[in-house]
mmCIF file of all heavy atoms, coordinates in Angstrom:
data_MODEL
# 
_entry.id   MODEL 
# 
loop_
_atom_site.group_PDB 
_atom_site.id 
_atom_site.type_symbol 
_atom_site.label_atom_id 
_atom_site.label_alt_id 
_atom_site.label_comp_id 
_atom_site.label_asym_id 
_atom_site.label_entity_id 
_atom_site.label_seq_id 
_atom_site.pdbx_PDB_ins_code 
_atom_site.Cartn_x 
_atom_site.Cartn_y 
_atom_site.Cartn_z 
_atom_site.occupancy 
_atom_site.B_iso_or_equiv 
_atom_site.pdbx_formal_charge 
_atom_site.auth_seq_id 
_atom_site.auth_comp_id 
_atom_site.auth_asym_id 
_atom_site.auth_atom_id 
_atom_site.pdbx_PDB_model_num 
ATOM 1   N N   . ASP A 1 1  ? 107.497 209.549 97.976  1.00 0.00 ? 1  ASP A N   1 
ATOM 2   C CA  . ASP A 1 1  ? 108.505 209.460 99.055  1.00 0.00 ? 1  ASP A CA  1 
ATOM 3   C C   . ASP A 1 1  ? 107.756 209.163 100.309 1.00 0.00 ? 1  ASP A C   1 
ATOM 4   O O   . ASP A 1 1  ? 107.168 210.094 100.949 1.00 0.00 ? 1  ASP A O   1 
ATOM 5   C CB  . ASP A 1 1  ? 109.246 210.796 99.142  1.00 0.00 ? 1  ASP A CB  1 
ATOM 6   C CG  . ASP A 1 1  ? 110.377 210.777 100.125 1.00 0.00 ? 1  ASP A CG  1 
ATOM 7   O OD1 . ASP A 1 1  ? 110.371 209.887 100.991 1.00 0.00 ? 1  ASP A OD1 1 
ATOM 8   O OD2 . ASP A 1 1  ? 111.234 211.646 100.066 1.00 0.00 ? 1  ASP A OD2 1 
ATOM 9   N N   . ASN A 1 2  ? 107.739 207.932 100.727 1.00 0.00 ? 2  ASN A N   1 
ATOM 10  C CA  . ASN A 1 2  ? 106.937 207.501 101.872 1.00 0.00 ? 2  ASN A CA  1 
ATOM 11  C C   . ASN A 1 2  ? 107.510 208.101 103.153 1.00 0.00 ? 2  ASN A C   1 
ATOM 12  O O   . ASN A 1 2  ? 106.780 208.293 104.107 1.00 0.00 ? 2  ASN A O   1 
ATOM 13  C CB  . ASN A 1 2  ? 106.892 205.973 101.959 1.00 0.00 ? 2  ASN A CB  1 
ATOM 14  C CG  . ASN A 1 2  ? 105.941 205.408 100.938 1.00 0.00 ? 2  ASN A CG  1 
ATOM 15  O OD1 . ASN A 1 2  ? 105.132 206.107 100.327 1.00 0.00 ? 2  ASN A OD1 1 
ATOM 16  N ND2 . ASN A 1 2  ? 106.010 204.110 100.745 1.00 0.00 ? 2  ASN A ND2 1 
ATOM 17  N N   . ALA A 1 3  ? 108.790 208.392 103.175 1.00 0.00 ? 3  ALA A N   1 
ATOM 18  C CA  . ALA A 1 3  ? 109.367 209.004 104.364 1.00 0.00 ? 3  ALA A CA  1 
ATOM 19  C C   . ALA A 1 3  ? 108.807 210.419 104.652 1.00 0.00 ? 3  ALA A C   1 
ATOM 20  O O   . ALA A 1 3  ? 108.756 210.891 105.745 1.00 0.00 ? 3  ALA A O   1 
ATOM 21  C CB  . ALA A 1 3  ? 110.878 209.089 104.224 1.00 0.00 ? 3  ALA A CB  1 
ATOM 22  N N   . LYS A 1 4  ? 108.347 211.008 103.547 1.00 0.00 ? 4  LYS A N   1 
ATOM 23  C CA  . LYS A 1 4  ? 107.753 212.394 103.634 1.00 0.00 ? 4  LYS A CA  1 
ATOM 24  C C   . LYS A 1 4  ? 106.239 212.333 103.469 1.00 0.00 ? 4  LYS A C   1 
ATOM 25  O O   . LYS A 1 4  ? 105.611 213.418 103.429 1.00 0.00 ? 4  LYS A O   1 
ATOM 26  C CB  . LYS A 1 4  ? 108.379 213.289 102.594 1.00 0.00 ? 4  LYS A CB  1 
ATOM 27  C CG  . LYS A 1 4  ? 109.867 213.505 102.731 1.00 0.00 ? 4  LYS A CG  1 
ATOM 28  C CD  . LYS A 1 4  ? 110.412 214.452 101.692 1.00 0.00 ? 4  LYS A CD  1 
ATOM 29  C CE  . LYS A 1 4  ? 111.900 214.700 101.842 1.00 0.00 ? 4  LYS A CE  1 
ATOM 30  N NZ  . LYS A 1 4  ? 112.430 215.609 100.782 1.00 0.00 ? 4  LYS A NZ  1 
ATOM 31  N N   . ASN A 1 5  ? 105.698 211.154 103.365 1.00 0.00 ? 5  ASN A N   1 
ATOM 32  C CA  . ASN A 1 5  ? 104.226 211.029 103.127 1.00 0.00 ? 5  ASN A CA  1 
ATOM 33  C C   . ASN A 1 5  ? 103.767 211.852 101.972 1.00 0.00 ? 5  ASN A C   1 
ATOM 34  O O   . ASN A 1 5  ? 102.726 212.536 102.001 1.00 0.00 ? 5  ASN A O   1 
ATOM 35  C CB  . ASN A 1 5  ? 103.453 211.379 104.393 1.00 0.00 ? 5  ASN A CB  1 
ATOM 36  C CG  . ASN A 1 5  ? 103.645 210.368 105.503 1.00 0.00 ? 5  ASN A CG  1 
ATOM 37  O OD1 . ASN A 1 5  ? 103.795 209.217 105.223 1.00 0.00 ? 5  ASN A OD1 1 
ATOM 38  N ND2 . ASN A 1 5  ? 103.611 210.857 106.743 1.00 0.00 ? 5  ASN A ND2 1 
ATOM 39  N N   . THR A 1 6  ? 104.562 211.893 100.879 1.00 0.00 ? 6  THR A N   1 
ATOM 40  C CA  . THR A 1 6  ? 104.312 212.789 99.771  1.00 0.00 ? 6  THR A CA  1 
ATOM 41  C C   . THR A 1 6  ? 104.307 211.992 98.431  1.00 0.00 ? 6  THR A C   1 
ATOM 42  O O   . THR A 1 6  ? 105.135 211.131 98.233  1.00 0.00 ? 6  THR A O   1 
ATOM 43  C CB  . THR A 1 6  ? 105.351 213.893 99.723  1.00 0.00 ? 6  THR A CB  1 
ATOM 44  O OG1 . THR A 1 6  ? 105.298 214.626 100.948 1.00 0.00 ? 6  THR A OG1 1 
ATOM 45  C CG2 . THR A 1 6  ? 105.047 214.854 98.566  1.00 0.00 ? 6  THR A CG2 1 
ATOM 46  N N   . VAL A 1 7  ? 103.389 212.352 97.581  1.00 0.00 ? 7  VAL A N   1 
ATOM 47  C CA  . VAL A 1 7  ? 103.372 211.813 96.194  1.00 0.00 ? 7  VAL A CA  1 
ATOM 48  C C   . VAL A 1 7  ? 103.511 213.009 95.289  1.00 0.00 ? 7  VAL A C   1 
ATOM 49  O O   . VAL A 1 7  ? 103.018 214.097 95.580  1.00 0.00 ? 7  VAL A O   1 
ATOM 50  C CB  . VAL A 1 7  ? 102.098 211.009 95.953  1.00 0.00 ? 7  VAL A CB  1 
ATOM 51  C CG1 . VAL A 1 7  ? 100.860 211.851 96.051  1.00 0.00 ? 7  VAL A CG1 1 
ATOM 52  C CG2 . VAL A 1 7  ? 102.171 210.313 94.571  1.00 0.00 ? 7  VAL A CG2 1 
ATOM 53  N N   . TYR A 1 8  ? 104.193 212.762 94.196  1.00 0.00 ? 8  TYR A N   1 
ATOM 54  C CA  . TYR A 1 8  ? 104.491 213.815 93.236  1.00 0.00 ? 8  TYR A CA  1 
ATOM 55  C C   . TYR A 1 8  ? 103.908 213.482 91.835  1.00 0.00 ? 8  TYR A C   1 
ATOM 56  O O   . TYR A 1 8  ? 103.775 212.336 91.481  1.00 0.00 ? 8  TYR A O   1 
ATOM 57  C CB  . TYR A 1 8  ? 106.021 214.031 93.078  1.00 0.00 ? 8  TYR A CB  1 
ATOM 58  C CG  . TYR A 1 8  ? 106.714 214.289 94.395  1.00 0.00 ? 8  TYR A CG  1 
ATOM 59  C CD1 . TYR A 1 8  ? 107.380 213.294 95.047  1.00 0.00 ? 8  TYR A CD1 1 
ATOM 60  C CD2 . TYR A 1 8  ? 106.723 215.569 94.914  1.00 0.00 ? 8  TYR A CD2 1 
ATOM 61  C CE1 . TYR A 1 8  ? 108.031 213.519 96.233  1.00 0.00 ? 8  TYR A CE1 1 
ATOM 62  C CE2 . TYR A 1 8  ? 107.356 215.820 96.132  1.00 0.00 ? 8  TYR A CE2 1 
ATOM 63  C CZ  . TYR A 1 8  ? 107.997 214.784 96.756  1.00 0.00 ? 8  TYR A CZ  1 
ATOM 64  O OH  . TYR A 1 8  ? 108.650 215.006 97.947  1.00 0.00 ? 8  TYR A OH  1 
ATOM 65  N N   . LEU A 1 9  ? 103.674 214.523 91.058  1.00 0.00 ? 9  LEU A N   1 
ATOM 66  C CA  . LEU A 1 9  ? 103.308 214.349 89.634  1.00 0.00 ? 9  LEU A CA  1 
ATOM 67  C C   . LEU A 1 9  ? 104.174 215.358 88.872  1.00 0.00 ? 9  LEU A C   1 
ATOM 68  O O   . LEU A 1 9  ? 103.901 216.560 88.928  1.00 0.00 ? 9  LEU A O   1 
ATOM 69  C CB  . LEU A 1 9  ? 101.817 214.598 89.400  1.00 0.00 ? 9  LEU A CB  1 
ATOM 70  C CG  . LEU A 1 9  ? 101.383 214.311 87.978  1.00 0.00 ? 9  LEU A CG  1 
ATOM 71  C CD1 . LEU A 1 9  ? 101.461 212.823 87.647  1.00 0.00 ? 9  LEU A CD1 1 
ATOM 72  C CD2 . LEU A 1 9  ? 99.956  214.778 87.717  1.00 0.00 ? 9  LEU A CD2 1 
ATOM 73  N N   . GLN A 1 10 ? 105.176 214.850 88.171  1.00 0.00 ? 10 GLN A N   1 
ATOM 74  C CA  . GLN A 1 10 ? 105.990 215.672 87.318  1.00 0.00 ? 10 GLN A CA  1 
ATOM 75  C C   . GLN A 1 10 ? 105.331 215.706 85.928  1.00 0.00 ? 10 GLN A C   1 
ATOM 76  O O   . GLN A 1 10 ? 105.117 214.674 85.336  1.00 0.00 ? 10 GLN A O   1 
ATOM 77  C CB  . GLN A 1 10 ? 107.389 215.093 87.195  1.00 0.00 ? 10 GLN A CB  1 
ATOM 78  C CG  . GLN A 1 10 ? 108.305 215.849 86.252  1.00 0.00 ? 10 GLN A CG  1 
ATOM 79  C CD  . GLN A 1 10 ? 108.633 217.236 86.777  1.00 0.00 ? 10 GLN A CD  1 
ATOM 80  O OE1 . GLN A 1 10 ? 108.918 217.407 87.940  1.00 0.00 ? 10 GLN A OE1 1 
ATOM 81  N NE2 . GLN A 1 10 ? 108.581 218.245 85.891  1.00 0.00 ? 10 GLN A NE2 1 
ATOM 82  N N   . MET A 1 11 ? 105.025 216.945 85.520  1.00 0.00 ? 11 MET A N   1 
ATOM 83  C CA  . MET A 1 11 ? 104.313 217.110 84.239  1.00 0.00 ? 11 MET A CA  1 
ATOM 84  C C   . MET A 1 11 ? 105.184 217.867 83.268  1.00 0.00 ? 11 MET A C   1 
ATOM 85  O O   . MET A 1 11 ? 105.524 219.036 83.560  1.00 0.00 ? 11 MET A O   1 
ATOM 86  C CB  . MET A 1 11 ? 103.000 217.867 84.531  1.00 0.00 ? 11 MET A CB  1 
ATOM 87  C CG  . MET A 1 11 ? 102.093 217.177 85.542  1.00 0.00 ? 11 MET A CG  1 
ATOM 88  S SD  . MET A 1 11 ? 100.510 218.023 85.727  1.00 0.00 ? 11 MET A SD  1 
ATOM 89  C CE  . MET A 1 11 ? 100.965 219.583 86.351  1.00 0.00 ? 11 MET A CE  1 
ATOM 90  N N   . ASN A 1 12 ? 105.508 217.264 82.201  1.00 0.00 ? 12 ASN A N   1 
ATOM 91  C CA  . ASN A 1 12 ? 106.385 217.868 81.187  1.00 0.00 ? 12 ASN A CA  1 
ATOM 92  C C   . ASN A 1 12 ? 105.602 217.970 79.882  1.00 0.00 ? 12 ASN A C   1 
ATOM 93  O O   . ASN A 1 12 ? 104.594 217.305 79.671  1.00 0.00 ? 12 ASN A O   1 
ATOM 94  C CB  . ASN A 1 12 ? 107.662 217.006 80.952  1.00 0.00 ? 12 ASN A CB  1 
ATOM 95  C CG  . ASN A 1 12 ? 108.511 216.945 82.179  1.00 0.00 ? 12 ASN A CG  1 
ATOM 96  O OD1 . ASN A 1 12 ? 108.563 217.819 82.998  1.00 0.00 ? 12 ASN A OD1 1 
ATOM 97  N ND2 . ASN A 1 12 ? 109.184 215.802 82.332  1.00 0.00 ? 12 ASN A ND2 1 
ATOM 98  N N   . SER A 1 13 ? 106.122 218.789 78.968  1.00 0.00 ? 13 SER A N   1 
ATOM 99  C CA  . SER A 1 13 ? 105.493 218.985 77.658  1.00 0.00 ? 13 SER A CA  1 
ATOM 100 C C   . SER A 1 13 ? 103.999 219.252 77.777  1.00 0.00 ? 13 SER A C   1 
ATOM 101 O O   . SER A 1 13 ? 103.175 218.612 77.091  1.00 0.00 ? 13 SER A O   1 
ATOM 102 C CB  . SER A 1 13 ? 105.755 217.746 76.779  1.00 0.00 ? 13 SER A CB  1 
ATOM 103 O OG  . SER A 1 13 ? 107.115 217.481 76.667  1.00 0.00 ? 13 SER A OG  1 
ATOM 104 N N   . LEU A 1 14 ? 103.694 220.154 78.715  1.00 0.00 ? 14 LEU A N   1 
ATOM 105 C CA  . LEU A 1 14 ? 102.263 220.423 78.933  1.00 0.00 ? 14 LEU A CA  1 
ATOM 106 C C   . LEU A 1 14 ? 101.538 220.991 77.752  1.00 0.00 ? 14 LEU A C   1 
ATOM 107 O O   . LEU A 1 14 ? 102.125 221.737 76.920  1.00 0.00 ? 14 LEU A O   1 
ATOM 108 C CB  . LEU A 1 14 ? 102.141 221.383 80.138  1.00 0.00 ? 14 LEU A CB  1 
ATOM 109 C CG  . LEU A 1 14 ? 102.357 220.730 81.513  1.00 0.00 ? 14 LEU A CG  1 
ATOM 110 C CD1 . LEU A 1 14 ? 102.699 221.731 82.563  1.00 0.00 ? 14 LEU A CD1 1 
ATOM 111 C CD2 . LEU A 1 14 ? 101.131 219.903 81.905  1.00 0.00 ? 14 LEU A CD2 1 
ATOM 112 N N   . LYS A 1 15 ? 100.265 220.631 77.650  1.00 0.00 ? 15 LYS A N   1 
ATOM 113 C CA  . LYS A 1 15 ? 99.413  221.070 76.551  1.00 0.00 ? 15 LYS A CA  1 
ATOM 114 C C   . LYS A 1 15 ? 98.209  221.796 77.107  1.00 0.00 ? 15 LYS A C   1 
ATOM 115 O O   . LYS A 1 15 ? 97.841  221.583 78.250  1.00 0.00 ? 15 LYS A O   1 
ATOM 116 C CB  . LYS A 1 15 ? 98.906  219.824 75.733  1.00 0.00 ? 15 LYS A CB  1 
ATOM 117 C CG  . LYS A 1 15 ? 99.997  218.950 75.238  1.00 0.00 ? 15 LYS A CG  1 
ATOM 118 C CD  . LYS A 1 15 ? 99.370  217.707 74.586  1.00 0.00 ? 15 LYS A CD  1 
ATOM 119 C CE  . LYS A 1 15 ? 100.468 216.764 74.092  1.00 0.00 ? 15 LYS A CE  1 
ATOM 120 N NZ  . LYS A 1 15 ? 99.906  215.566 73.457  1.00 0.00 ? 15 LYS A NZ  1 
ATOM 121 N N   . PRO A 1 16 ? 97.581  222.660 76.342  1.00 0.00 ? 16 PRO A N   1 
ATOM 122 C CA  . PRO A 1 16 ? 96.392  223.357 76.830  1.00 0.00 ? 16 PRO A CA  1 
ATOM 123 C C   . PRO A 1 16 ? 95.329  222.410 77.345  1.00 0.00 ? 16 PRO A C   1 
ATOM 124 O O   . PRO A 1 16 ? 94.594  222.724 78.289  1.00 0.00 ? 16 PRO A O   1 
ATOM 125 C CB  . PRO A 1 16 ? 95.936  224.140 75.592  1.00 0.00 ? 16 PRO A CB  1 
ATOM 126 C CG  . PRO A 1 16 ? 97.211  224.443 74.847  1.00 0.00 ? 16 PRO A CG  1 
ATOM 127 C CD  . PRO A 1 16 ? 98.017  223.137 75.024  1.00 0.00 ? 16 PRO A CD  1 
ATOM 128 N N   . GLU A 1 17 ? 95.209  221.242 76.738  1.00 0.00 ? 17 GLU A N   1 
ATOM 129 C CA  . GLU A 1 17 ? 94.184  220.265 77.189  1.00 0.00 ? 17 GLU A CA  1 
ATOM 130 C C   . GLU A 1 17 ? 94.534  219.638 78.526  1.00 0.00 ? 17 GLU A C   1 
ATOM 131 O O   . GLU A 1 17 ? 93.693  218.914 79.048  1.00 0.00 ? 17 GLU A O   1 
ATOM 132 C CB  . GLU A 1 17 ? 94.008  219.203 76.088  1.00 0.00 ? 17 GLU A CB  1 
ATOM 133 C CG  . GLU A 1 17 ? 95.247  218.523 75.631  1.00 0.00 ? 17 GLU A CG  1 
ATOM 134 C CD  . GLU A 1 17 ? 95.740  219.132 74.306  1.00 0.00 ? 17 GLU A CD  1 
ATOM 135 O OE1 . GLU A 1 17 ? 95.734  220.359 74.226  1.00 0.00 ? 17 GLU A OE1 1 
ATOM 136 O OE2 . GLU A 1 17 ? 96.148  218.323 73.415  1.00 0.00 ? 17 GLU A OE2 1 
ATOM 137 N N   . ASP A 1 18 ? 95.669  219.909 79.073  1.00 0.00 ? 18 ASP A N   1 
ATOM 138 C CA  . ASP A 1 18 ? 95.972  219.483 80.410  1.00 0.00 ? 18 ASP A CA  1 
ATOM 139 C C   . ASP A 1 18 ? 95.454  220.394 81.496  1.00 0.00 ? 18 ASP A C   1 
ATOM 140 O O   . ASP A 1 18 ? 95.521  220.076 82.679  1.00 0.00 ? 18 ASP A O   1 
ATOM 141 C CB  . ASP A 1 18 ? 97.543  219.392 80.625  1.00 0.00 ? 18 ASP A CB  1 
ATOM 142 C CG  . ASP A 1 18 ? 98.185  218.283 79.755  1.00 0.00 ? 18 ASP A CG  1 
ATOM 143 O OD1 . ASP A 1 18 ? 97.568  217.195 79.636  1.00 0.00 ? 18 ASP A OD1 1 
ATOM 144 O OD2 . ASP A 1 18 ? 99.251  218.594 79.186  1.00 0.00 ? 18 ASP A OD2 1 
ATOM 145 N N   . THR A 1 19 ? 94.859  221.503 81.089  1.00 0.00 ? 19 THR A N   1 
ATOM 146 C CA  . THR A 1 19 ? 94.302  222.426 81.982  1.00 0.00 ? 19 THR A CA  1 
ATOM 147 C C   . THR A 1 19 ? 93.197  221.836 82.809  1.00 0.00 ? 19 THR A C   1 
ATOM 148 O O   . THR A 1 19 ? 92.335  221.141 82.295  1.00 0.00 ? 19 THR A O   1 
ATOM 149 C CB  . THR A 1 19 ? 93.793  223.674 81.264  1.00 0.00 ? 19 THR A CB  1 
ATOM 150 O OG1 . THR A 1 19 ? 94.914  224.345 80.672  1.00 0.00 ? 19 THR A OG1 1 
ATOM 151 C CG2 . THR A 1 19 ? 93.029  224.641 82.163  1.00 0.00 ? 19 THR A CG2 1 
ATOM 152 N N   . GLY A 1 20 ? 93.153  222.157 84.123  1.00 0.00 ? 20 GLY A N   1 
ATOM 153 C CA  . GLY A 1 20 ? 92.082  221.672 84.980  1.00 0.00 ? 20 GLY A CA  1 
ATOM 154 C C   . GLY A 1 20 ? 92.520  221.718 86.456  1.00 0.00 ? 20 GLY A C   1 
ATOM 155 O O   . GLY A 1 20 ? 93.636  222.139 86.744  1.00 0.00 ? 20 GLY A O   1 
ATOM 156 N N   . VAL A 1 21 ? 91.614  221.278 87.286  1.00 0.00 ? 21 VAL A N   1 
ATOM 157 C CA  . VAL A 1 21 ? 91.939  221.149 88.728  1.00 0.00 ? 21 VAL A CA  1 
ATOM 158 C C   . VAL A 1 21 ? 92.440  219.746 88.942  1.00 0.00 ? 21 VAL A C   1 
ATOM 159 O O   . VAL A 1 21 ? 91.767  218.768 88.539  1.00 0.00 ? 21 VAL A O   1 
ATOM 160 C CB  . VAL A 1 21 ? 90.709  221.399 89.633  1.00 0.00 ? 21 VAL A CB  1 
ATOM 161 C CG1 . VAL A 1 21 ? 91.071  221.251 91.064  1.00 0.00 ? 21 VAL A CG1 1 
ATOM 162 C CG2 . VAL A 1 21 ? 90.168  222.859 89.343  1.00 0.00 ? 21 VAL A CG2 1 
ATOM 163 N N   . TYR A 1 22 ? 93.614  219.640 89.545  1.00 0.00 ? 22 TYR A N   1 
ATOM 164 C CA  . TYR A 1 22 ? 94.202  218.319 89.797  1.00 0.00 ? 22 TYR A CA  1 
ATOM 165 C C   . TYR A 1 22 ? 94.014  217.919 91.224  1.00 0.00 ? 22 TYR A C   1 
ATOM 166 O O   . TYR A 1 22 ? 94.341  218.689 92.147  1.00 0.00 ? 22 TYR A O   1 
ATOM 167 C CB  . TYR A 1 22 ? 95.719  218.377 89.444  1.00 0.00 ? 22 TYR A CB  1 
ATOM 168 C CG  . TYR A 1 22 ? 96.002  218.307 87.947  1.00 0.00 ? 22 TYR A CG  1 
ATOM 169 C CD1 . TYR A 1 22 ? 95.605  219.372 87.134  1.00 0.00 ? 22 TYR A CD1 1 
ATOM 170 C CD2 . TYR A 1 22 ? 96.564  217.187 87.377  1.00 0.00 ? 22 TYR A CD2 1 
ATOM 171 C CE1 . TYR A 1 22 ? 95.796  219.296 85.721  1.00 0.00 ? 22 TYR A CE1 1 
ATOM 172 C CE2 . TYR A 1 22 ? 96.831  217.139 86.015  1.00 0.00 ? 22 TYR A CE2 1 
ATOM 173 C CZ  . TYR A 1 22 ? 96.439  218.137 85.203  1.00 0.00 ? 22 TYR A CZ  1 
ATOM 174 O OH  . TYR A 1 22 ? 96.635  218.076 83.842  1.00 0.00 ? 22 TYR A OH  1 
ATOM 175 N N   . TYR A 1 23 ? 93.498  216.721 91.394  1.00 0.00 ? 23 TYR A N   1 
ATOM 176 C CA  . TYR A 1 23 ? 93.197  216.176 92.717  1.00 0.00 ? 23 TYR A CA  1 
ATOM 177 C C   . TYR A 1 23 ? 94.011  214.984 93.015  1.00 0.00 ? 23 TYR A C   1 
ATOM 178 O O   . TYR A 1 23 ? 94.283  214.120 92.177  1.00 0.00 ? 23 TYR A O   1 
ATOM 179 C CB  . TYR A 1 23 ? 91.741  215.751 92.758  1.00 0.00 ? 23 TYR A CB  1 
ATOM 180 C CG  . TYR A 1 23 ? 90.737  216.860 92.584  1.00 0.00 ? 23 TYR A CG  1 
ATOM 181 C CD1 . TYR A 1 23 ? 90.236  217.168 91.305  1.00 0.00 ? 23 TYR A CD1 1 
ATOM 182 C CD2 . TYR A 1 23 ? 90.290  217.605 93.661  1.00 0.00 ? 23 TYR A CD2 1 
ATOM 183 C CE1 . TYR A 1 23 ? 89.297  218.152 91.145  1.00 0.00 ? 23 TYR A CE1 1 
ATOM 184 C CE2 . TYR A 1 23 ? 89.326  218.585 93.478  1.00 0.00 ? 23 TYR A CE2 1 
ATOM 185 C CZ  . TYR A 1 23 ? 88.854  218.885 92.225  1.00 0.00 ? 23 TYR A CZ  1 
ATOM 186 O OH  . TYR A 1 23 ? 87.962  219.889 92.045  1.00 0.00 ? 23 TYR A OH  1 
ATOM 187 N N   . CYS A 1 24 ? 94.445  214.919 94.289  1.00 0.00 ? 24 CYS A N   1 
ATOM 188 C CA  . CYS A 1 24 ? 95.192  213.759 94.790  1.00 0.00 ? 24 CYS A CA  1 
ATOM 189 C C   . CYS A 1 24 ? 94.164  212.871 95.492  1.00 0.00 ? 24 CYS A C   1 
ATOM 190 O O   . CYS A 1 24 ? 93.208  213.366 96.159  1.00 0.00 ? 24 CYS A O   1 
ATOM 191 C CB  . CYS A 1 24 ? 96.224  214.299 95.765  1.00 0.00 ? 24 CYS A CB  1 
ATOM 192 S SG  . CYS A 1 24 ? 97.191  213.028 96.608  1.00 0.00 ? 24 CYS A SG  1 
ATOM 193 N N   . ALA A 1 25 ? 94.355  211.545 95.386  1.00 0.00 ? 25 ALA A N   1 
ATOM 194 C CA  . ALA A 1 25 ? 93.463  210.620 96.041  1.00 0.00 ? 25 ALA A CA  1 
ATOM 195 C C   . ALA A 1 25 ? 94.270  209.474 96.636  1.00 0.00 ? 25 ALA A C   1 
ATOM 196 O O   . ALA A 1 25 ? 95.352  209.135 96.142  1.00 0.00 ? 25 ALA A O   1 
ATOM 197 C CB  . ALA A 1 25 ? 92.447  210.058 94.998  1.00 0.00 ? 25 ALA A CB  1 
ATOM 198 N N   . ALA A 1 26 ? 93.714  208.871 97.694  1.00 0.00 ? 26 ALA A N   1 
ATOM 199 C CA  . ALA A 1 26 ? 94.354  207.792 98.384  1.00 0.00 ? 26 ALA A CA  1 
ATOM 200 C C   . ALA A 1 26 ? 93.369  206.663 98.603  1.00 0.00 ? 26 ALA A C   1 
ATOM 201 O O   . ALA A 1 26 ? 92.222  206.913 99.063  1.00 0.00 ? 26 ALA A O   1 
ATOM 202 C CB  . ALA A 1 26 ? 94.916  208.250 99.719  1.00 0.00 ? 26 ALA A CB  1 
# 
């Protein structure tokens, strides 16, 4: 949403292997 200067990551059906630190980059 560029009006809010925000990026999202919707994560569904999560698995244990998705565990970690999530970083945003530009």
